[in-house]
């Protein structure tokens, strides 16, 4: 006879994972969510190097003139608007998934930054914002001396 470890919450963990999958699938696969609101949120990646924070936002169908980037203290704000295409008179839509309307994303940066050195570039529908850290925020390695 083999001993099986008792895991009192093992069954609940499995059920929780199933519910999370269902929840995520519902919201990921519901294209009609855009019809309930005029607001959409672009996908964003945020990374950190030793000297910078890097924010990349996917903004397909937009031009650089449709987007603004601002920094207030340590709060980075990206906003813009994606305009709807004009419909032709005899055009009948069967399915609409693409979002349109205004958006705003705000990100609280974890350390102080050099606001006057922020750079933003826009290439192939991707906005890249590079925010340099302030000198006091840059990680410095301390040499350990042996006696």
N, C-alpha and C. Protein backbone atom coordinates (compact mmCIF):
# COMPACT_ATOMS: atom_id res chain seq x y z
N UNK A 1 0.84 -1.17 0.00
CA UNK A 1 0.00 0.00 0.00
C UNK A 1 0.90 1.25 0.00
N UNK A 2 0.59 2.18 -0.89
CA UNK A 2 1.38 3.41 -0.98
C UNK A 2 0.74 4.52 -0.17
N UNK A 3 1.58 5.36 0.38
CA UNK A 3 1.09 6.53 1.09
C UNK A 3 0.96 7.70 0.12
N UNK A 4 -0.16 8.38 0.19
CA UNK A 4 -0.39 9.55 -0.65
C UNK A 4 -0.43 10.77 0.26
N UNK A 5 0.38 11.80 -0.04
CA UNK A 5 0.37 12.98 0.83
C UNK A 5 -1.00 13.66 0.81
N UNK A 6 -1.40 14.11 1.96
CA UNK A 6 -2.70 14.77 2.10
C UNK A 6 -2.54 16.25 1.80
N UNK A 7 -3.29 16.73 0.84
CA UNK A 7 -3.27 18.15 0.48
C UNK A 7 -4.69 18.67 0.62
N UNK A 8 -4.99 19.28 1.76
CA UNK A 8 -6.37 19.68 2.02
C UNK A 8 -6.91 20.70 1.03
N UNK A 9 -6.07 21.50 0.43
CA UNK A 9 -6.56 22.52 -0.50
C UNK A 9 -6.23 22.17 -1.94
N UNK A 10 -5.78 20.96 -2.19
CA UNK A 10 -5.42 20.55 -3.55
C UNK A 10 -6.58 20.63 -4.52
N UNK A 11 -7.74 20.18 -4.12
CA UNK A 11 -8.91 20.21 -4.99
C UNK A 11 -9.35 21.65 -5.24
N UNK A 12 -9.26 22.50 -4.23
CA UNK A 12 -9.63 23.90 -4.40
C UNK A 12 -8.68 24.61 -5.36
N UNK A 13 -7.39 24.27 -5.29
CA UNK A 13 -6.41 24.88 -6.17
C UNK A 13 -6.74 24.59 -7.62
N UNK A 14 -7.12 23.36 -7.91
CA UNK A 14 -7.49 22.97 -9.27
C UNK A 14 -8.75 23.73 -9.73
N UNK A 15 -9.73 23.83 -8.85
CA UNK A 15 -10.96 24.56 -9.19
C UNK A 15 -10.68 26.03 -9.42
N UNK A 16 -9.81 26.60 -8.61
CA UNK A 16 -9.45 28.01 -8.75
C UNK A 16 -8.80 28.26 -10.10
N UNK A 17 -7.90 27.36 -10.51
CA UNK A 17 -7.23 27.50 -11.80
C UNK A 17 -8.25 27.42 -12.94
N UNK A 18 -9.22 26.52 -12.82
CA UNK A 18 -10.25 26.40 -13.84
C UNK A 18 -11.09 27.66 -13.94
N UNK A 19 -11.43 28.24 -12.78
CA UNK A 19 -12.21 29.48 -12.78
C UNK A 19 -11.41 30.65 -13.36
N UNK A 20 -10.11 30.71 -13.06
CA UNK A 20 -9.28 31.77 -13.62
C UNK A 20 -9.18 31.64 -15.14
N UNK A 21 -9.05 30.40 -15.63
CA UNK A 21 -9.01 30.19 -17.08
C UNK A 21 -10.31 30.65 -17.73
N UNK A 22 -11.42 30.29 -17.12
CA UNK A 22 -12.72 30.69 -17.65
C UNK A 22 -12.86 32.21 -17.66
N UNK A 23 -12.49 32.85 -16.56
CA UNK A 23 -12.56 34.31 -16.44
C UNK A 23 -11.70 34.99 -17.51
N UNK A 24 -10.44 34.52 -17.63
CA UNK A 24 -9.53 35.12 -18.61
C UNK A 24 -10.02 34.89 -20.04
N UNK A 25 -10.55 33.71 -20.31
CA UNK A 25 -11.05 33.42 -21.65
C UNK A 25 -12.25 34.29 -21.99
N UNK A 26 -13.13 34.50 -21.03
CA UNK A 26 -14.31 35.32 -21.27
C UNK A 26 -13.92 36.74 -21.66
N UNK A 27 -12.99 37.35 -20.90
CA UNK A 27 -12.62 38.73 -21.18
C UNK A 27 -11.70 38.86 -22.37
N UNK A 28 -10.88 37.85 -22.63
CA UNK A 28 -9.98 37.93 -23.78
C UNK A 28 -10.75 37.71 -25.08
N UNK A 29 -11.76 36.85 -25.06
CA UNK A 29 -12.45 36.50 -26.29
C UNK A 29 -13.78 37.21 -26.47
N UNK A 30 -13.98 38.33 -25.81
CA UNK A 30 -15.23 39.06 -25.96
C UNK A 30 -14.98 40.32 -26.77
N UNK A 31 -15.03 40.22 -28.10
CA UNK A 31 -14.74 41.38 -28.92
C UNK A 31 -15.79 42.47 -28.77
N UNK A 32 -16.98 42.13 -28.33
CA UNK A 32 -18.03 43.12 -28.23
C UNK A 32 -17.84 44.05 -27.04
N UNK A 33 -16.82 43.81 -26.20
CA UNK A 33 -16.58 44.69 -25.06
C UNK A 33 -16.40 46.13 -25.53
N UNK A 34 -15.82 46.32 -26.73
CA UNK A 34 -15.61 47.66 -27.24
C UNK A 34 -16.90 48.38 -27.53
N UNK A 35 -17.99 47.65 -27.74
CA UNK A 35 -19.25 48.31 -28.02
C UNK A 35 -19.88 48.88 -26.77
N UNK A 36 -19.46 48.41 -25.59
CA UNK A 36 -20.03 48.91 -24.34
C UNK A 36 -19.34 50.19 -23.87
N UNK A 37 -18.16 50.45 -24.37
CA UNK A 37 -17.41 51.62 -23.94
C UNK A 37 -16.68 52.23 -25.12
N UNK A 38 -16.45 53.49 -25.08
CA UNK A 38 -15.69 54.16 -26.12
C UNK A 38 -14.20 54.13 -25.83
N UNK A 39 -13.83 53.59 -24.69
CA UNK A 39 -12.43 53.60 -24.29
C UNK A 39 -11.80 52.25 -24.55
N UNK A 40 -10.58 52.25 -25.04
CA UNK A 40 -9.81 51.02 -25.22
C UNK A 40 -8.42 51.27 -24.65
N UNK A 41 -7.74 50.21 -24.29
CA UNK A 41 -6.42 50.34 -23.68
C UNK A 41 -5.40 49.56 -24.50
N UNK A 42 -4.38 50.24 -24.99
CA UNK A 42 -3.35 49.52 -25.75
C UNK A 42 -2.52 48.63 -24.83
N UNK A 43 -1.98 47.57 -25.40
CA UNK A 43 -1.09 46.68 -24.65
C UNK A 43 0.24 47.38 -24.41
N UNK A 44 0.79 47.18 -23.22
CA UNK A 44 2.01 47.87 -22.82
C UNK A 44 2.99 46.89 -22.17
N UNK A 45 4.26 47.04 -22.50
CA UNK A 45 5.34 46.32 -21.82
C UNK A 45 6.19 47.35 -21.09
N UNK A 46 6.55 47.07 -19.85
CA UNK A 46 7.42 47.96 -19.09
C UNK A 46 8.62 47.15 -18.63
N UNK A 47 9.81 47.68 -18.91
CA UNK A 47 11.02 46.99 -18.48
C UNK A 47 11.95 48.01 -17.83
N UNK A 48 12.99 47.49 -17.21
CA UNK A 48 13.93 48.35 -16.49
C UNK A 48 15.34 47.87 -16.77
N UNK A 49 16.21 48.82 -17.07
CA UNK A 49 17.64 48.54 -17.17
C UNK A 49 18.30 49.22 -15.97
N UNK A 50 19.59 49.16 -15.92
CA UNK A 50 20.29 49.79 -14.79
C UNK A 50 20.05 51.30 -14.76
N UNK A 51 19.93 51.92 -15.95
CA UNK A 51 19.83 53.38 -16.01
C UNK A 51 18.47 53.91 -16.46
N UNK A 52 17.60 53.06 -17.02
CA UNK A 52 16.36 53.54 -17.60
C UNK A 52 15.15 52.66 -17.29
N UNK A 53 13.97 53.27 -17.41
CA UNK A 53 12.71 52.53 -17.53
C UNK A 53 12.32 52.62 -18.99
N UNK A 54 11.84 51.52 -19.55
CA UNK A 54 11.44 51.51 -20.95
C UNK A 54 10.00 51.05 -21.03
N UNK A 55 9.16 51.87 -21.65
CA UNK A 55 7.74 51.57 -21.82
C UNK A 55 7.47 51.46 -23.31
N UNK A 56 6.91 50.31 -23.72
CA UNK A 56 6.54 50.10 -25.12
C UNK A 56 5.04 49.86 -25.19
N UNK A 57 4.36 50.62 -26.04
CA UNK A 57 2.91 50.50 -26.18
C UNK A 57 2.58 50.18 -27.63
N UNK A 58 1.72 49.18 -27.84
CA UNK A 58 1.26 48.84 -29.19
C UNK A 58 0.09 49.75 -29.55
N UNK A 59 0.26 50.51 -30.63
CA UNK A 59 -0.76 51.45 -31.06
C UNK A 59 -1.01 51.29 -32.56
N UNK A 60 -1.54 50.14 -32.98
CA UNK A 60 -1.75 49.92 -34.41
C UNK A 60 -2.79 50.88 -34.98
N UNK A 61 -2.50 51.35 -36.19
CA UNK A 61 -3.43 52.23 -36.87
C UNK A 61 -3.33 53.68 -36.46
N UNK A 62 -2.41 54.02 -35.56
CA UNK A 62 -2.24 55.40 -35.13
C UNK A 62 -0.96 55.98 -35.70
N UNK A 63 -0.91 57.30 -35.77
CA UNK A 63 0.30 58.02 -36.14
C UNK A 63 0.82 58.70 -34.88
N UNK A 64 2.06 59.14 -34.93
CA UNK A 64 2.66 59.82 -33.78
C UNK A 64 1.85 61.05 -33.38
N UNK A 65 1.23 61.73 -34.33
CA UNK A 65 0.45 62.93 -34.02
C UNK A 65 -0.83 62.61 -33.24
N UNK A 66 -1.25 61.35 -33.22
CA UNK A 66 -2.46 60.93 -32.49
C UNK A 66 -2.19 60.60 -31.03
N UNK A 67 -0.93 60.68 -30.61
CA UNK A 67 -0.52 60.22 -29.27
C UNK A 67 0.23 61.35 -28.55
N UNK A 68 0.03 61.44 -27.23
CA UNK A 68 0.83 62.37 -26.43
C UNK A 68 1.41 61.64 -25.23
N UNK A 69 2.59 62.07 -24.84
CA UNK A 69 3.30 61.49 -23.69
C UNK A 69 3.65 62.63 -22.76
N UNK A 70 3.35 62.47 -21.46
CA UNK A 70 3.72 63.50 -20.49
C UNK A 70 4.23 62.83 -19.22
N UNK A 71 4.99 63.60 -18.46
CA UNK A 71 5.56 63.12 -17.20
C UNK A 71 5.30 64.18 -16.15
N UNK A 72 4.66 63.77 -15.07
CA UNK A 72 4.39 64.68 -13.96
C UNK A 72 4.98 64.04 -12.71
N UNK A 73 6.15 64.52 -12.30
CA UNK A 73 6.86 63.88 -11.19
C UNK A 73 7.33 62.50 -11.61
N UNK A 74 6.80 61.48 -10.97
CA UNK A 74 7.14 60.10 -11.36
C UNK A 74 5.94 59.39 -11.99
N UNK A 75 4.98 60.15 -12.50
CA UNK A 75 3.79 59.59 -13.16
C UNK A 75 3.90 59.81 -14.66
N UNK A 76 4.04 58.71 -15.42
CA UNK A 76 4.12 58.75 -16.87
C UNK A 76 2.71 58.56 -17.44
N UNK A 77 2.29 59.44 -18.34
CA UNK A 77 0.95 59.38 -18.91
C UNK A 77 1.05 59.30 -20.43
N UNK A 78 0.39 58.29 -20.99
CA UNK A 78 0.31 58.12 -22.44
C UNK A 78 -1.16 58.20 -22.80
N UNK A 79 -1.51 59.12 -23.71
CA UNK A 79 -2.90 59.19 -24.13
C UNK A 79 -2.98 59.51 -25.61
N UNK A 80 -4.16 59.21 -26.15
CA UNK A 80 -4.36 59.46 -27.57
C UNK A 80 -5.75 59.05 -27.99
N UNK A 81 -5.94 59.04 -29.29
CA UNK A 81 -7.25 58.69 -29.82
C UNK A 81 -7.10 57.97 -31.16
N UNK A 82 -7.84 56.88 -31.30
CA UNK A 82 -7.91 56.13 -32.54
C UNK A 82 -9.26 56.43 -33.16
N UNK A 83 -9.25 57.04 -34.32
CA UNK A 83 -10.49 57.47 -34.96
C UNK A 83 -11.14 56.31 -35.72
N UNK A 84 -12.47 56.34 -35.76
CA UNK A 84 -13.22 55.35 -36.54
C UNK A 84 -13.08 55.66 -38.02
N UNK A 85 -13.07 54.60 -38.82
CA UNK A 85 -13.04 54.79 -40.26
C UNK A 85 -14.42 55.21 -40.74
N UNK A 86 -14.45 55.98 -41.79
CA UNK A 86 -15.72 56.40 -42.37
C UNK A 86 -16.37 55.20 -43.07
N UNK A 87 -17.67 55.05 -42.87
CA UNK A 87 -18.40 53.96 -43.51
C UNK A 87 -18.90 54.41 -44.88
N UNK A 88 -18.92 53.47 -45.79
CA UNK A 88 -19.52 53.75 -47.10
C UNK A 88 -21.02 53.56 -46.97
N UNK A 89 -21.78 54.25 -47.79
CA UNK A 89 -23.24 54.22 -47.68
C UNK A 89 -23.81 52.82 -47.87
N UNK A 90 -23.26 52.04 -48.79
CA UNK A 90 -23.81 50.71 -49.05
C UNK A 90 -23.08 49.61 -48.28
N UNK A 91 -22.26 49.97 -47.31
CA UNK A 91 -21.48 48.99 -46.54
C UNK A 91 -22.30 48.51 -45.35
N UNK A 92 -22.42 47.18 -45.21
CA UNK A 92 -23.13 46.57 -44.08
C UNK A 92 -22.14 45.71 -43.31
N UNK A 93 -21.98 46.03 -42.03
CA UNK A 93 -21.01 45.29 -41.21
C UNK A 93 -21.65 44.01 -40.68
N UNK A 94 -20.88 42.93 -40.75
CA UNK A 94 -21.31 41.66 -40.20
C UNK A 94 -20.63 41.38 -38.86
N UNK A 95 -19.46 41.97 -38.67
CA UNK A 95 -18.70 41.72 -37.45
C UNK A 95 -17.72 42.86 -37.26
N UNK A 96 -17.64 43.41 -36.05
CA UNK A 96 -16.70 44.50 -35.77
C UNK A 96 -15.93 44.15 -34.49
N UNK A 97 -14.61 44.02 -34.64
CA UNK A 97 -13.75 43.72 -33.49
C UNK A 97 -12.77 44.84 -33.19
N UNK A 98 -12.45 45.67 -34.16
CA UNK A 98 -11.42 46.69 -33.95
C UNK A 98 -11.95 47.82 -33.08
N UNK A 99 -11.11 48.24 -32.16
CA UNK A 99 -11.49 49.28 -31.22
C UNK A 99 -11.19 50.65 -31.80
N UNK A 100 -11.94 51.62 -31.35
CA UNK A 100 -11.71 53.02 -31.70
C UNK A 100 -12.10 53.86 -30.49
N UNK A 101 -11.59 55.08 -30.45
CA UNK A 101 -11.91 55.97 -29.35
C UNK A 101 -10.66 56.42 -28.64
N UNK A 102 -10.85 57.15 -27.56
CA UNK A 102 -9.70 57.68 -26.82
C UNK A 102 -9.20 56.67 -25.79
N UNK A 103 -7.96 56.85 -25.39
CA UNK A 103 -7.38 56.00 -24.35
C UNK A 103 -6.43 56.84 -23.50
N UNK A 104 -6.17 56.35 -22.31
CA UNK A 104 -5.16 56.95 -21.43
C UNK A 104 -4.61 55.86 -20.53
N UNK A 105 -3.30 55.76 -20.48
CA UNK A 105 -2.62 54.85 -19.57
C UNK A 105 -1.68 55.66 -18.70
N UNK A 106 -1.68 55.41 -17.40
CA UNK A 106 -0.81 56.10 -16.45
C UNK A 106 0.01 55.07 -15.70
N UNK A 107 1.29 55.39 -15.49
CA UNK A 107 2.19 54.46 -14.82
C UNK A 107 2.99 55.21 -13.76
N UNK A 108 2.90 54.74 -12.53
CA UNK A 108 3.68 55.31 -11.43
C UNK A 108 5.05 54.65 -11.46
N UNK A 109 6.09 55.43 -11.71
CA UNK A 109 7.44 54.89 -11.76
C UNK A 109 7.97 54.74 -10.34
N UNK A 110 8.69 53.64 -10.05
CA UNK A 110 9.08 53.33 -8.67
C UNK A 110 10.20 54.18 -8.09
N UNK A 111 10.92 54.93 -8.93
CA UNK A 111 12.01 55.77 -8.41
C UNK A 111 11.95 57.13 -9.09
N UNK A 112 12.74 58.06 -8.60
CA UNK A 112 12.78 59.37 -9.23
C UNK A 112 13.50 59.26 -10.57
N UNK A 113 13.11 60.14 -11.50
CA UNK A 113 13.62 60.07 -12.87
C UNK A 113 14.08 61.45 -13.33
N UNK A 114 14.79 61.46 -14.44
CA UNK A 114 15.23 62.71 -15.06
C UNK A 114 14.17 63.12 -16.09
N UNK A 115 13.24 63.94 -15.69
CA UNK A 115 12.13 64.34 -16.55
C UNK A 115 12.55 65.06 -17.80
N UNK A 116 13.65 65.79 -17.76
CA UNK A 116 14.09 66.55 -18.92
C UNK A 116 14.84 65.70 -19.95
N UNK A 117 15.08 64.44 -19.64
CA UNK A 117 15.84 63.55 -20.53
C UNK A 117 14.97 62.43 -21.14
N UNK A 118 13.65 62.49 -20.95
CA UNK A 118 12.76 61.46 -21.47
C UNK A 118 12.74 61.53 -23.00
N UNK A 119 12.79 60.35 -23.64
CA UNK A 119 12.73 60.28 -25.10
C UNK A 119 11.59 59.36 -25.51
N UNK A 120 10.89 59.75 -26.58
CA UNK A 120 9.80 58.92 -27.11
C UNK A 120 9.99 58.77 -28.61
N UNK A 121 9.88 57.53 -29.09
CA UNK A 121 9.96 57.27 -30.53
C UNK A 121 8.74 56.45 -30.94
N UNK A 122 8.36 56.56 -32.20
CA UNK A 122 7.19 55.84 -32.72
C UNK A 122 7.60 55.18 -34.02
N UNK A 123 7.51 53.85 -34.08
CA UNK A 123 7.92 53.11 -35.27
C UNK A 123 7.01 51.90 -35.47
N UNK A 124 6.40 51.80 -36.63
CA UNK A 124 5.56 50.66 -37.02
C UNK A 124 4.47 50.37 -36.00
N UNK A 125 3.82 51.42 -35.49
CA UNK A 125 2.72 51.25 -34.56
C UNK A 125 3.12 50.96 -33.12
N UNK A 126 4.41 51.09 -32.81
CA UNK A 126 4.88 50.85 -31.44
C UNK A 126 5.51 52.14 -30.91
N UNK A 127 4.97 52.63 -29.80
CA UNK A 127 5.53 53.78 -29.11
C UNK A 127 6.54 53.26 -28.09
N UNK A 128 7.74 53.83 -28.09
CA UNK A 128 8.77 53.45 -27.11
C UNK A 128 9.17 54.70 -26.35
N UNK A 129 8.98 54.67 -25.03
CA UNK A 129 9.34 55.80 -24.17
C UNK A 129 10.48 55.35 -23.27
N UNK A 130 11.59 56.06 -23.31
CA UNK A 130 12.75 55.77 -22.47
C UNK A 130 12.84 56.85 -21.42
N UNK A 131 12.76 56.44 -20.15
CA UNK A 131 12.78 57.38 -19.02
C UNK A 131 14.03 57.10 -18.19
N UNK A 132 15.02 57.99 -18.26
CA UNK A 132 16.24 57.78 -17.46
C UNK A 132 15.98 57.95 -15.97
N UNK A 133 16.61 57.10 -15.17
CA UNK A 133 16.52 57.20 -13.72
C UNK A 133 17.40 58.36 -13.24
N UNK A 134 17.01 58.97 -12.14
CA UNK A 134 17.84 59.99 -11.52
C UNK A 134 19.10 59.33 -10.98
N UNK A 135 20.17 60.08 -10.87
CA UNK A 135 21.45 59.52 -10.41
C UNK A 135 21.33 58.78 -9.10
N UNK A 136 20.58 59.33 -8.15
CA UNK A 136 20.46 58.67 -6.85
C UNK A 136 19.68 57.36 -6.93
N UNK A 137 18.93 57.15 -8.01
CA UNK A 137 18.13 55.93 -8.15
C UNK A 137 18.89 54.82 -8.86
N UNK A 138 19.99 55.17 -9.55
CA UNK A 138 20.76 54.16 -10.28
C UNK A 138 21.47 53.27 -9.27
N UNK A 139 21.32 51.97 -9.45
CA UNK A 139 21.94 51.00 -8.54
C UNK A 139 23.46 51.07 -8.66
N UNK A 140 24.11 51.21 -7.54
CA UNK A 140 25.57 51.28 -7.52
C UNK A 140 26.11 50.07 -6.77
N UNK A 141 27.09 49.45 -7.38
CA UNK A 141 27.74 48.30 -6.75
C UNK A 141 28.79 48.81 -5.75
N UNK A 142 28.79 48.25 -4.58
CA UNK A 142 29.74 48.62 -3.54
C UNK A 142 30.80 47.52 -3.42
N UNK A 143 32.02 47.91 -3.54
CA UNK A 143 33.11 46.93 -3.44
C UNK A 143 33.30 46.56 -1.97
N UNK A 144 33.43 45.28 -1.72
CA UNK A 144 33.69 44.78 -0.37
C UNK A 144 35.18 44.57 -0.23
N UNK A 145 35.75 45.25 0.75
CA UNK A 145 37.19 45.16 0.96
C UNK A 145 37.50 44.07 1.98
N UNK A 146 38.53 43.33 1.70
CA UNK A 146 38.96 42.26 2.59
C UNK A 146 40.12 42.77 3.43
N UNK A 147 40.05 42.55 4.75
CA UNK A 147 41.14 43.00 5.64
C UNK A 147 42.13 41.91 5.87
